[in-house]
Amino acid sequence: MNLASTALLAMAMSTDAFAAAVGKGTALQKPRWSEALRTGAIFGVIEALTPLAGWALGLAASSYVKAWDHWIAFVLLGVLGLRMLAGALRTPEANAQEKPARHGFWLLAITGFATSIDAMAVGVGLAFLDVDIVPVAAAIGLATFAMVTVGVMVGRLLGNIAGRWAEAIGGVLLIGIGSVILYEHLTAL
C-alpha cells in the first residue's frame, strides 16, 4: 500500500468520527482546546486499534467479523444518534442547564468505537493482502485525532450559532452513517 492510498484510507476512515465530534462539540458548554484534544486522543487511539483488531480477527475468523460488523455499527450509531436527537428536542432551558463542560470517558469511548467499526472491517480486508498494518493503523489514528479535534471545535462554533439544530443534525448524521453502513453491507450480499 503506497503513501497516497494510506492517506486517503486514513481520511476516509476518520470522516464519520469527524461528524460525531461535531455533535459532541455542540453538546458541550463552550468546549476548550484541552477537551477537543482529549476527545481527539480517545477517538484516535480507538480508531488506530480497531484496524489492528480487525486484522488479527481477519487472520483468525474473517467471516464472523464481516457477518456482524454492520449490525454492531448500526445499533451503536443509532442509539447514540437517538440520544443526541432526544437532547436536541428538550426545551432550550433544559439544554442550557444540562450542557456539561466535558464528556465522560466511556461515552467518548463508545462513540469512538461505534464510528470505528468500519476501520475494523478494513483491517479484516487488509489481513488478506500483503499490507503492513501498523503504519496504516497509525495513519488512521492520526487522521482521526486531527479530524475529531477540529470537529469538536467546529461543534463549538455551530453550538453558538445553531444550538439545538446542530445537535439534532449530528444525531441524524450518526443515525445516517449507521444506516448507510447497514445498507451497504446488506445490499452487497
C-alpha atoms as a PDB file:
ATOM      1  CA  MET A   1       0.000   0.000   0.000  1.00  0.00           C
ATOM      2  CA  ASN A   2       1.567   3.303  -1.061  1.00  0.00           C
ATOM      3  CA  LEU A   3       1.605   6.570   0.874  1.00  0.00           C
ATOM      4  CA  ALA A   4      -1.211   8.189  -1.133  1.00  0.00           C
ATOM      5  CA  SER A   5      -3.601   5.265  -0.698  1.00  0.00           C
ATOM      6  CA  THR A   6      -2.765   5.066   3.007  1.00  0.00           C
ATOM      7  CA  ALA A   7      -3.504   8.797   3.419  1.00  0.00           C
ATOM      8  CA  LEU A   8      -6.796   8.523   1.504  1.00  0.00           C
ATOM      9  CA  LEU A   9      -7.834   5.492   3.543  1.00  0.00           C
ATOM     10  CA  ALA A  10      -6.975   7.313   6.777  1.00  0.00           C
ATOM     11  CA  MET A  11      -9.049  10.344   5.781  1.00  0.00           C
ATOM     12  CA  ALA A  12     -11.979   8.177   4.712  1.00  0.00           C
ATOM     13  CA  MET A  13     -11.921   6.270   7.995  1.00  0.00           C
ATOM     14  CA  SER A  14     -11.986   9.499  10.015  1.00  0.00           C
ATOM     15  CA  THR A  15     -14.942  11.258   8.359  1.00  0.00           C
ATOM     16  CA  ASP A  16     -17.653   9.602  10.456  1.00  0.00           C
ATOM     17  CA  ALA A  17     -15.654  10.337  13.611  1.00  0.00           C
ATOM     18  CA  PHE A  18     -15.496  13.993  12.495  1.00  0.00           C
ATOM     19  CA  ALA A  19     -19.306  14.085  12.196  1.00  0.00           C
ATOM     20  CA  ALA A  20     -19.663  12.569  15.671  1.00  0.00           C
ATOM     21  CA  ALA A  21     -17.140  15.063  17.058  1.00  0.00           C
ATOM     22  CA  VAL A  22     -19.101  17.999  15.700  1.00  0.00           C
ATOM     23  CA  GLY A  23     -22.120  16.651  17.562  1.00  0.00           C
ATOM     24  CA  LYS A  24     -20.043  16.185  20.710  1.00  0.00           C
ATOM     25  CA  GLY A  25     -18.814  19.772  20.450  1.00  0.00           C
ATOM     26  CA  THR A  26     -22.355  21.135  20.163  1.00  0.00           C
ATOM     27  CA  ALA A  27     -23.427  19.150  23.212  1.00  0.00           C
ATOM     28  CA  LEU A  28     -20.793  20.774  25.405  1.00  0.00           C
ATOM     29  CA  GLN A  29     -20.842  24.160  27.036  1.00  0.00           C
ATOM     30  CA  LYS A  30     -18.091  26.019  25.147  1.00  0.00           C
ATOM     31  CA  PRO A  31     -15.509  23.219  24.816  1.00  0.00           C
ATOM     32  CA  ARG A  32     -11.883  24.278  25.142  1.00  0.00           C
ATOM     33  CA  TRP A  33      -8.928  23.039  23.127  1.00  0.00           C
ATOM     34  CA  SER A  34      -7.945  20.748  26.003  1.00  0.00           C
ATOM     35  CA  GLU A  35     -11.300  18.946  25.725  1.00  0.00           C
ATOM     36  CA  ALA A  36     -11.021  18.819  21.927  1.00  0.00           C
ATOM     37  CA  LEU A  37      -7.531  17.300  22.185  1.00  0.00           C
ATOM     38  CA  ARG A  38      -8.721  14.811  24.823  1.00  0.00           C
ATOM     39  CA  THR A  39     -11.646  13.771  22.625  1.00  0.00           C
ATOM     40  CA  GLY A  40      -9.366  13.543  19.592  1.00  0.00           C
ATOM     41  CA  ALA A  41      -6.907  11.374  21.519  1.00  0.00           C
ATOM     42  CA  ILE A  42      -9.612   8.964  22.698  1.00  0.00           C
ATOM     43  CA  PHE A  43     -11.117   8.630  19.222  1.00  0.00           C
ATOM     44  CA  GLY A  44      -7.676   8.439  17.572  1.00  0.00           C
ATOM     45  CA  VAL A  45      -6.412   5.656  19.803  1.00  0.00           C
ATOM     46  CA  ILE A  46      -9.587   3.628  19.341  1.00  0.00           C
ATOM     47  CA  GLU A  47      -9.588   4.243  15.587  1.00  0.00           C
ATOM     48  CA  ALA A  48      -5.946   3.098  15.409  1.00  0.00           C
ATOM     49  CA  LEU A  49      -6.580  -0.039  17.475  1.00  0.00           C
ATOM     50  CA  THR A  50      -9.670  -1.268  15.622  1.00  0.00           C
ATOM     51  CA  PRO A  51      -7.929  -1.972  12.282  1.00  0.00           C
ATOM     52  CA  LEU A  52      -5.290  -3.882  14.234  1.00  0.00           C
ATOM     53  CA  ALA A  53      -8.034  -5.887  15.941  1.00  0.00           C
ATOM     54  CA  GLY A  54      -9.785  -6.392  12.600  1.00  0.00           C
ATOM     55  CA  TRP A  55      -6.539  -7.512  11.010  1.00  0.00           C
ATOM     56  CA  ALA A  56      -5.980 -10.049  13.801  1.00  0.00           C
ATOM     57  CA  LEU A  57      -9.582 -11.236  13.565  1.00  0.00           C
ATOM     58  CA  GLY A  58      -9.298 -11.352   9.789  1.00  0.00           C
ATOM     59  CA  LEU A  59      -6.415 -13.731  10.111  1.00  0.00           C
ATOM     60  CA  ALA A  60      -8.413 -15.892  12.509  1.00  0.00           C
ATOM     61  CA  ALA A  61     -12.099 -15.602  11.558  1.00  0.00           C
ATOM     62  CA  SER A  62     -12.937 -13.061   8.880  1.00  0.00           C
ATOM     63  CA  SER A  63     -16.361 -14.444   8.028  1.00  0.00           C
ATOM     64  CA  TYR A  64     -17.599 -13.941  11.609  1.00  0.00           C
ATOM     65  CA  VAL A  65     -16.478 -10.303  11.814  1.00  0.00           C
ATOM     66  CA  LYS A  66     -17.829  -9.470   8.365  1.00  0.00           C
ATOM     67  CA  ALA A  67     -21.157 -11.069   9.232  1.00  0.00           C
ATOM     68  CA  TRP A  68     -21.802  -8.796  12.219  1.00  0.00           C
ATOM     69  CA  ASP A  69     -19.779  -5.572  11.856  1.00  0.00           C
ATOM     70  CA  HIS A  70     -22.534  -3.659  10.075  1.00  0.00           C
ATOM     71  CA  TRP A  71     -25.141  -4.586  12.699  1.00  0.00           C
ATOM     72  CA  ILE A  72     -22.857  -3.532  15.552  1.00  0.00           C
ATOM     73  CA  ALA A  73     -22.138  -0.186  13.879  1.00  0.00           C
ATOM     74  CA  PHE A  74     -25.825   0.354  13.054  1.00  0.00           C
ATOM     75  CA  VAL A  75     -27.029  -0.283  16.609  1.00  0.00           C
ATOM     76  CA  LEU A  76     -24.301   1.727  18.361  1.00  0.00           C
ATOM     77  CA  LEU A  77     -24.531   4.715  16.000  1.00  0.00           C
ATOM     78  CA  GLY A  78     -28.329   4.579  16.027  1.00  0.00           C
ATOM     79  CA  VAL A  79     -28.550   4.623  19.821  1.00  0.00           C
ATOM     80  CA  LEU A  80     -26.037   7.456  20.099  1.00  0.00           C
ATOM     81  CA  GLY A  81     -27.827   9.401  17.346  1.00  0.00           C
ATOM     82  CA  LEU A  82     -31.199   8.961  19.033  1.00  0.00           C
ATOM     83  CA  ARG A  83     -29.682  10.143  22.304  1.00  0.00           C
ATOM     84  CA  MET A  84     -28.433  13.296  20.577  1.00  0.00           C
ATOM     85  CA  LEU A  85     -31.847  13.853  18.963  1.00  0.00           C
ATOM     86  CA  ALA A  86     -33.539  13.490  22.329  1.00  0.00           C
ATOM     87  CA  GLY A  87     -31.168  16.076  23.763  1.00  0.00           C
ATOM     88  CA  ALA A  88     -31.949  18.450  20.911  1.00  0.00           C
ATOM     89  CA  LEU A  89     -35.698  18.062  21.445  1.00  0.00           C
ATOM     90  CA  ARG A  90     -35.529  19.107  25.098  1.00  0.00           C
ATOM     91  CA  THR A  91     -36.564  22.631  25.923  1.00  0.00           C
ATOM     92  CA  PRO A  92     -33.819  25.242  25.461  1.00  0.00           C
ATOM     93  CA  GLU A  93     -33.757  25.903  29.193  1.00  0.00           C
ATOM     94  CA  ALA A  94     -33.151  22.222  29.947  1.00  0.00           C
ATOM     95  CA  ASN A  95     -30.373  22.048  27.359  1.00  0.00           C
ATOM     96  CA  ALA A  96     -28.644  25.160  28.705  1.00  0.00           C
ATOM     97  CA  GLN A  97     -28.701  23.825  32.256  1.00  0.00           C
ATOM     98  CA  GLU A  98     -27.616  20.306  31.361  1.00  0.00           C
ATOM     99  CA  LYS A  99     -24.731  21.006  28.967  1.00  0.00           C
ATOM    100  CA  PRO A 100     -21.618  19.531  30.553  1.00  0.00           C
ATOM    101  CA  ALA A 101     -18.173  21.124  30.404  1.00  0.00           C
ATOM    102  CA  ARG A 102     -16.775  17.800  29.180  1.00  0.00           C
ATOM    103  CA  HIS A 103     -17.966  14.356  28.174  1.00  0.00           C
ATOM    104  CA  GLY A 104     -17.263  11.282  30.234  1.00  0.00           C
ATOM    105  CA  PHE A 105     -14.562   8.896  29.080  1.00  0.00           C
ATOM    106  CA  TRP A 106     -16.925   5.974  28.499  1.00  0.00           C
ATOM    107  CA  LEU A 107     -19.355   7.983  26.401  1.00  0.00           C
ATOM    108  CA  LEU A 108     -16.478   9.110  24.196  1.00  0.00           C
ATOM    109  CA  ALA A 109     -15.029   5.602  24.050  1.00  0.00           C
ATOM    110  CA  ILE A 110     -18.356   4.075  22.997  1.00  0.00           C
ATOM    111  CA  THR A 111     -18.864   6.760  20.361  1.00  0.00           C
ATOM    112  CA  GLY A 112     -15.292   6.290  19.161  1.00  0.00           C
ATOM    113  CA  PHE A 113     -15.782   2.551  18.927  1.00  0.00           C
ATOM    114  CA  ALA A 114     -19.086   2.917  17.098  1.00  0.00           C
ATOM    115  CA  THR A 115     -17.511   5.164  14.483  1.00  0.00           C
ATOM    116  CA  SER A 116     -14.510   2.845  14.097  1.00  0.00           C
ATOM    117  CA  ILE A 117     -16.323  -0.363  13.199  1.00  0.00           C
ATOM    118  CA  ASP A 118     -15.638   0.356   9.528  1.00  0.00           C
ATOM    119  CA  ALA A 119     -11.913   0.622  10.339  1.00  0.00           C
ATOM    120  CA  MET A 120     -12.131  -2.828  11.900  1.00  0.00           C
ATOM    121  CA  ALA A 121     -13.699  -4.140   8.711  1.00  0.00           C
ATOM    122  CA  VAL A 122     -10.892  -2.521   6.711  1.00  0.00           C
ATOM    123  CA  GLY A 123      -8.399  -4.292   8.973  1.00  0.00           C
ATOM    124  CA  VAL A 124     -10.121  -7.585   8.210  1.00  0.00           C
ATOM    125  CA  GLY A 125      -9.802  -6.908   4.489  1.00  0.00           C
ATOM    126  CA  LEU A 126      -6.142  -5.903   4.814  1.00  0.00           C
ATOM    127  CA  ALA A 127      -5.405  -9.207   6.542  1.00  0.00           C
ATOM    128  CA  PHE A 128      -5.882 -10.920   3.179  1.00  0.00           C
ATOM    129  CA  LEU A 129      -3.445  -8.589   1.411  1.00  0.00           C
ATOM    130  CA  ASP A 130       0.261  -8.300   1.951  1.00  0.00           C
ATOM    131  CA  VAL A 131      -0.056  -4.988   3.855  1.00  0.00           C
ATOM    132  CA  ASP A 132       1.966  -3.802   6.824  1.00  0.00           C
ATOM    133  CA  ILE A 133      -0.954  -2.982   9.133  1.00  0.00           C
ATOM    134  CA  VAL A 134       0.954  -0.918  11.727  1.00  0.00           C
ATOM    135  CA  PRO A 135       1.641   2.165   9.542  1.00  0.00           C
ATOM    136  CA  VAL A 136      -1.886   2.022   8.133  1.00  0.00           C
ATOM    137  CA  ALA A 137      -3.419   1.855  11.623  1.00  0.00           C
ATOM    138  CA  ALA A 138      -1.164   4.683  12.816  1.00  0.00           C
ATOM    139  CA  ALA A 139      -2.207   6.849   9.851  1.00  0.00           C
ATOM    140  CA  ILE A 140      -5.889   6.170  10.562  1.00  0.00           C
ATOM    141  CA  GLY A 141      -5.397   7.037  14.242  1.00  0.00           C
ATOM    142  CA  LEU A 142      -3.533  10.277  13.492  1.00  0.00           C
ATOM    143  CA  ALA A 143      -6.070  11.400  10.881  1.00  0.00           C
ATOM    144  CA  THR A 144      -8.901  10.661  13.299  1.00  0.00           C
ATOM    145  CA  PHE A 145      -7.139  12.539  16.093  1.00  0.00           C
ATOM    146  CA  ALA A 146      -6.825  15.626  13.880  1.00  0.00           C
ATOM    147  CA  MET A 147     -10.345  15.429  12.424  1.00  0.00           C
ATOM    148  CA  VAL A 148     -12.023  14.871  15.799  1.00  0.00           C
ATOM    149  CA  THR A 149     -10.074  17.656  17.499  1.00  0.00           C
ATOM    150  CA  VAL A 150     -11.133  20.073  14.759  1.00  0.00           C
ATOM    151  CA  GLY A 151     -14.664  18.626  14.790  1.00  0.00           C
ATOM    152  CA  VAL A 152     -15.189  19.371  18.473  1.00  0.00           C
ATOM    153  CA  MET A 153     -14.155  22.985  17.920  1.00  0.00           C
ATOM    154  CA  VAL A 154     -16.385  23.245  14.824  1.00  0.00           C
ATOM    155  CA  GLY A 155     -19.169  21.916  17.031  1.00  0.00           C
ATOM    156  CA  ARG A 156     -18.430  24.696  19.487  1.00  0.00           C
ATOM    157  CA  LEU A 157     -18.965  27.268  16.724  1.00  0.00           C
ATOM    158  CA  LEU A 158     -22.095  25.527  15.495  1.00  0.00           C
ATOM    159  CA  GLY A 159     -23.363  25.266  19.044  1.00  0.00           C
ATOM    160  CA  ASN A 160     -23.104  29.010  19.467  1.00  0.00           C
ATOM    161  CA  ILE A 161     -24.786  29.636  16.117  1.00  0.00           C
ATOM    162  CA  ALA A 162     -27.303  26.869  15.774  1.00  0.00           C
ATOM    163  CA  GLY A 163     -27.635  25.341  19.239  1.00  0.00           C
ATOM    164  CA  ARG A 164     -30.144  22.509  19.265  1.00  0.00           C
ATOM    165  CA  TRP A 165     -30.266  22.298  15.471  1.00  0.00           C
ATOM    166  CA  ALA A 166     -26.596  21.380  15.287  1.00  0.00           C
ATOM    167  CA  GLU A 167     -27.043  18.654  17.902  1.00  0.00           C
ATOM    168  CA  ALA A 168     -30.069  17.313  16.024  1.00  0.00           C
ATOM    169  CA  ILE A 169     -28.134  17.315  12.763  1.00  0.00           C
ATOM    170  CA  GLY A 170     -25.277  15.488  14.494  1.00  0.00           C
ATOM    171  CA  GLY A 171     -27.734  12.871  15.766  1.00  0.00           C
ATOM    172  CA  VAL A 172     -29.266  12.461  12.325  1.00  0.00           C
ATOM    173  CA  LEU A 173     -25.765  12.137  10.831  1.00  0.00           C
ATOM    174  CA  LEU A 174     -24.862   9.357  13.261  1.00  0.00           C
ATOM    175  CA  ILE A 175     -28.090   7.512  12.501  1.00  0.00           C
ATOM    176  CA  GLY A 176     -27.474   8.089   8.798  1.00  0.00           C
ATOM    177  CA  ILE A 177     -23.905   6.780   8.955  1.00  0.00           C
ATOM    178  CA  GLY A 178     -25.088   3.656  10.765  1.00  0.00           C
ATOM    179  CA  SER A 179     -27.902   3.169   8.260  1.00  0.00           C
ATOM    180  CA  VAL A 180     -25.564   3.580   5.285  1.00  0.00           C
ATOM    181  CA  ILE A 181     -23.149   1.031   6.756  1.00  0.00           C
ATOM    182  CA  LEU A 182     -26.025  -1.402   7.263  1.00  0.00           C
ATOM    183  CA  TYR A 183     -27.477  -0.757   3.777  1.00  0.00           C
ATOM    184  CA  GLU A 184     -24.114  -1.196   2.032  1.00  0.00           C
ATOM    185  CA  HIS A 185     -23.480  -4.487   3.762  1.00  0.00           C
ATOM    186  CA  LEU A 186     -26.992  -5.854   3.235  1.00  0.00           C
ATOM    187  CA  THR A 187     -27.104  -4.910  -0.461  1.00  0.00           C
ATOM    188  CA  ALA A 188     -23.603  -6.267  -1.094  1.00  0.00           C
ATOM    189  CA  LEU A 189     -24.726  -9.751  -0.129  1.00  0.00           C
END
